[in-house]
Amino acid sequence: MAGGTGGAGGSPNGAAGANGQTQPQGTQNATAGGAGGDNKATITFGTTVLGPYGQGGNGADVGRSQGSDGNPGAVVIIWGD
């Protein structure tokens, strides 16, 4: 089985999922990861809007016959220095 392609990250700024690794003996049946989740949370900094974010699902791998679903992601706020 070929390693699947990682799913696209949800939302405009979501990260793509990891690609699955290909088995040496197989080249067929690549399976994409699930679509990325969307938590719809944003941070507004003046006129700049950051987010929302989401993580795409990982592609199928040697030990996994199908891709995984995405993660809704999170927003991290760092305050101060």
N, C-alpha and C. Protein backbone atom coordinates (compact mmCIF):
# COMPACT_ATOMS: atom_id res chain seq x y z
N MET A 1 0.85 -1.19 0.00
CA MET A 1 0.00 0.00 0.00
C MET A 1 0.88 1.23 0.00
N ALA A 2 0.53 2.17 -0.83
CA ALA A 2 1.28 3.42 -0.84
C ALA A 2 0.86 4.27 0.35
N GLY A 3 1.80 5.07 0.83
CA GLY A 3 1.47 5.98 1.92
C GLY A 3 0.49 7.03 1.44
N GLY A 4 -0.53 7.28 2.23
CA GLY A 4 -1.54 8.26 1.86
C GLY A 4 -1.02 9.69 2.01
N THR A 5 -1.72 10.60 1.36
CA THR A 5 -1.40 12.02 1.45
C THR A 5 -2.07 12.63 2.67
N GLY A 6 -1.36 13.43 3.41
CA GLY A 6 -1.95 14.10 4.57
C GLY A 6 -3.08 15.02 4.17
N GLY A 7 -4.13 15.08 4.96
CA GLY A 7 -5.26 15.95 4.67
C GLY A 7 -4.90 17.42 4.83
N ALA A 8 -5.62 18.28 4.11
CA ALA A 8 -5.40 19.72 4.22
C ALA A 8 -5.86 20.21 5.59
N GLY A 9 -5.19 21.21 6.13
CA GLY A 9 -5.58 21.78 7.41
C GLY A 9 -6.89 22.54 7.30
N GLY A 10 -7.73 22.45 8.29
CA GLY A 10 -8.98 23.18 8.29
C GLY A 10 -8.75 24.67 8.49
N SER A 11 -9.61 25.48 7.99
CA SER A 11 -9.55 26.93 8.10
C SER A 11 -8.42 27.48 7.23
N PRO A 12 -8.37 28.80 7.04
CA PRO A 12 -7.33 29.37 6.15
C PRO A 12 -5.91 29.11 6.62
N ASN A 13 -5.68 29.01 7.92
CA ASN A 13 -4.32 28.89 8.44
C ASN A 13 -4.01 27.53 9.03
N GLY A 14 -4.81 26.53 8.72
CA GLY A 14 -4.58 25.20 9.28
C GLY A 14 -3.37 24.53 8.67
N ALA A 15 -2.69 23.71 9.47
CA ALA A 15 -1.52 22.96 8.99
C ALA A 15 -1.95 21.67 8.34
N ALA A 16 -1.27 21.29 7.28
CA ALA A 16 -1.57 20.03 6.61
C ALA A 16 -1.15 18.85 7.47
N GLY A 17 -1.84 17.73 7.33
CA GLY A 17 -1.46 16.51 8.03
C GLY A 17 -0.23 15.87 7.39
N ALA A 18 0.43 15.02 8.13
CA ALA A 18 1.63 14.34 7.65
C ALA A 18 1.28 13.30 6.60
N ASN A 19 2.15 13.12 5.63
CA ASN A 19 1.98 12.06 4.64
C ASN A 19 2.34 10.72 5.24
N GLY A 20 1.58 9.68 4.90
CA GLY A 20 1.91 8.33 5.36
C GLY A 20 3.14 7.78 4.63
N GLN A 21 3.84 6.86 5.26
CA GLN A 21 5.02 6.23 4.66
C GLN A 21 4.60 5.08 3.74
N THR A 22 5.30 4.93 2.62
CA THR A 22 4.96 3.90 1.65
C THR A 22 5.61 2.57 2.01
N GLN A 23 4.84 1.50 1.91
CA GLN A 23 5.42 0.18 2.08
C GLN A 23 6.33 -0.13 0.89
N PRO A 24 7.48 -0.74 1.11
CA PRO A 24 8.43 -1.00 0.01
C PRO A 24 7.82 -1.82 -1.11
N GLN A 25 6.92 -2.76 -0.78
CA GLN A 25 6.42 -3.67 -1.80
C GLN A 25 5.14 -3.19 -2.46
N GLY A 26 4.58 -2.08 -2.02
CA GLY A 26 3.29 -1.69 -2.56
C GLY A 26 3.27 -0.26 -3.08
N THR A 27 2.47 -0.04 -4.09
CA THR A 27 2.36 1.30 -4.65
C THR A 27 0.91 1.70 -4.89
N GLN A 28 -0.04 0.92 -4.42
CA GLN A 28 -1.44 1.18 -4.72
C GLN A 28 -2.21 1.55 -3.47
N ASN A 29 -3.44 2.05 -3.70
CA ASN A 29 -4.40 2.31 -2.63
C ASN A 29 -3.96 3.36 -1.63
N ALA A 30 -3.32 4.43 -2.13
CA ALA A 30 -2.98 5.54 -1.23
C ALA A 30 -4.27 6.14 -0.69
N THR A 31 -4.27 6.47 0.57
CA THR A 31 -5.47 7.01 1.21
C THR A 31 -5.15 8.34 1.86
N ALA A 32 -5.91 9.34 1.49
CA ALA A 32 -5.67 10.67 2.06
C ALA A 32 -6.10 10.72 3.52
N GLY A 33 -5.47 11.61 4.27
CA GLY A 33 -5.90 11.88 5.64
C GLY A 33 -7.23 12.62 5.65
N GLY A 34 -7.89 12.64 6.77
CA GLY A 34 -9.15 13.35 6.90
C GLY A 34 -8.96 14.86 6.79
N ALA A 35 -10.04 15.55 6.53
CA ALA A 35 -9.98 17.01 6.44
C ALA A 35 -9.65 17.61 7.80
N GLY A 36 -9.01 18.77 7.80
CA GLY A 36 -8.67 19.44 9.05
C GLY A 36 -9.90 19.99 9.75
N GLY A 37 -9.85 20.02 11.06
CA GLY A 37 -10.94 20.60 11.83
C GLY A 37 -10.87 22.12 11.82
N ASP A 38 -11.92 22.75 12.27
CA ASP A 38 -11.99 24.21 12.31
C ASP A 38 -12.60 24.63 13.64
N ASN A 39 -11.80 25.25 14.51
CA ASN A 39 -12.32 25.66 15.82
C ASN A 39 -12.95 27.05 15.78
N LYS A 40 -12.86 27.75 14.64
CA LYS A 40 -13.50 29.05 14.44
C LYS A 40 -13.04 30.13 15.42
N ALA A 41 -11.96 29.89 16.17
CA ALA A 41 -11.46 30.89 17.12
C ALA A 41 -10.41 31.75 16.44
N THR A 42 -10.48 33.05 16.65
CA THR A 42 -9.51 33.98 16.07
C THR A 42 -8.99 34.94 17.13
N ILE A 43 -7.86 35.57 16.84
CA ILE A 43 -7.31 36.63 17.68
C ILE A 43 -7.22 37.88 16.81
N THR A 44 -7.74 38.99 17.30
CA THR A 44 -7.66 40.25 16.56
C THR A 44 -6.61 41.14 17.21
N PHE A 45 -5.66 41.59 16.40
CA PHE A 45 -4.58 42.45 16.88
C PHE A 45 -4.58 43.68 15.98
N GLY A 46 -5.22 44.75 16.41
CA GLY A 46 -5.40 45.92 15.55
C GLY A 46 -6.27 45.54 14.36
N THR A 47 -5.73 45.70 13.17
CA THR A 47 -6.48 45.32 11.97
C THR A 47 -6.12 43.91 11.50
N THR A 48 -5.22 43.24 12.22
CA THR A 48 -4.80 41.89 11.83
C THR A 48 -5.63 40.85 12.56
N VAL A 49 -6.15 39.89 11.81
CA VAL A 49 -6.89 38.78 12.40
C VAL A 49 -6.06 37.51 12.23
N LEU A 50 -5.75 36.86 13.33
CA LEU A 50 -4.97 35.61 13.31
C LEU A 50 -5.90 34.43 13.51
N GLY A 51 -5.69 33.39 12.73
CA GLY A 51 -6.52 32.20 12.83
C GLY A 51 -7.71 32.31 11.90
N PRO A 52 -8.66 31.42 11.95
CA PRO A 52 -8.67 30.21 12.81
C PRO A 52 -7.69 29.15 12.29
N TYR A 53 -7.52 28.13 13.09
CA TYR A 53 -6.53 27.11 12.77
C TYR A 53 -7.16 25.73 12.79
N GLY A 54 -6.47 24.78 12.21
CA GLY A 54 -6.89 23.38 12.25
C GLY A 54 -5.76 22.51 11.72
N GLN A 55 -5.72 21.28 12.13
CA GLN A 55 -4.67 20.36 11.71
C GLN A 55 -5.27 19.27 10.84
N GLY A 56 -4.72 19.09 9.65
CA GLY A 56 -5.22 18.03 8.77
C GLY A 56 -4.92 16.64 9.32
N GLY A 57 -5.70 15.67 8.89
CA GLY A 57 -5.44 14.28 9.30
C GLY A 57 -4.21 13.72 8.62
N ASN A 58 -3.55 12.74 9.26
CA ASN A 58 -2.39 12.08 8.69
C ASN A 58 -2.82 11.07 7.64
N GLY A 59 -2.00 10.92 6.62
CA GLY A 59 -2.29 9.93 5.59
C GLY A 59 -2.11 8.51 6.09
N ALA A 60 -2.65 7.55 5.33
CA ALA A 60 -2.49 6.15 5.67
C ALA A 60 -1.02 5.78 5.68
N ASP A 61 -0.68 4.82 6.51
CA ASP A 61 0.72 4.47 6.72
C ASP A 61 0.87 2.96 6.60
N VAL A 62 2.10 2.48 6.83
CA VAL A 62 2.38 1.05 6.75
C VAL A 62 1.45 0.27 7.69
N GLY A 63 1.28 0.77 8.91
CA GLY A 63 0.45 0.06 9.87
C GLY A 63 -0.97 0.57 9.95
N ARG A 64 -1.38 1.40 9.03
CA ARG A 64 -2.69 2.03 9.12
C ARG A 64 -3.31 2.01 7.72
N SER A 65 -4.47 1.39 7.57
CA SER A 65 -5.05 1.22 6.24
C SER A 65 -5.82 2.43 5.74
N GLN A 66 -6.10 3.37 6.61
CA GLN A 66 -6.81 4.57 6.17
C GLN A 66 -6.30 5.79 6.92
N GLY A 67 -6.48 6.96 6.30
CA GLY A 67 -6.03 8.19 6.93
C GLY A 67 -6.86 8.53 8.17
N SER A 68 -6.28 9.36 9.02
CA SER A 68 -6.97 9.78 10.24
C SER A 68 -7.72 11.09 10.01
N ASP A 69 -8.63 11.38 10.89
CA ASP A 69 -9.37 12.65 10.83
C ASP A 69 -8.51 13.78 11.37
N GLY A 70 -8.86 15.00 10.99
CA GLY A 70 -8.11 16.17 11.43
C GLY A 70 -8.45 16.59 12.85
N ASN A 71 -7.68 17.54 13.34
CA ASN A 71 -7.84 18.09 14.68
C ASN A 71 -8.34 19.52 14.57
N PRO A 72 -9.27 19.94 15.43
CA PRO A 72 -9.78 21.30 15.34
C PRO A 72 -8.74 22.37 15.60
N GLY A 73 -7.62 22.03 16.19
CA GLY A 73 -6.59 23.03 16.46
C GLY A 73 -6.87 23.79 17.73
N ALA A 74 -6.06 24.79 17.97
CA ALA A 74 -6.18 25.59 19.19
C ALA A 74 -5.61 26.97 18.96
N VAL A 75 -5.88 27.86 19.86
CA VAL A 75 -5.29 29.19 19.83
C VAL A 75 -4.45 29.34 21.09
N VAL A 76 -3.19 29.75 20.93
CA VAL A 76 -2.27 29.92 22.06
C VAL A 76 -1.96 31.41 22.19
N ILE A 77 -2.12 31.95 23.39
CA ILE A 77 -1.83 33.35 23.65
C ILE A 77 -0.61 33.43 24.58
N ILE A 78 0.44 34.14 24.14
CA ILE A 78 1.63 34.34 24.97
C ILE A 78 1.62 35.80 25.41
N TRP A 79 1.60 36.02 26.71
CA TRP A 79 1.47 37.36 27.26
C TRP A 79 2.78 37.78 27.92
N GLY A 80 3.30 38.93 27.56
CA GLY A 80 4.55 39.40 28.17
C GLY A 80 5.77 38.91 27.41
N ASP A 81 6.94 39.05 28.05
CA ASP A 81 8.19 38.68 27.38
C ASP A 81 8.60 37.26 27.72
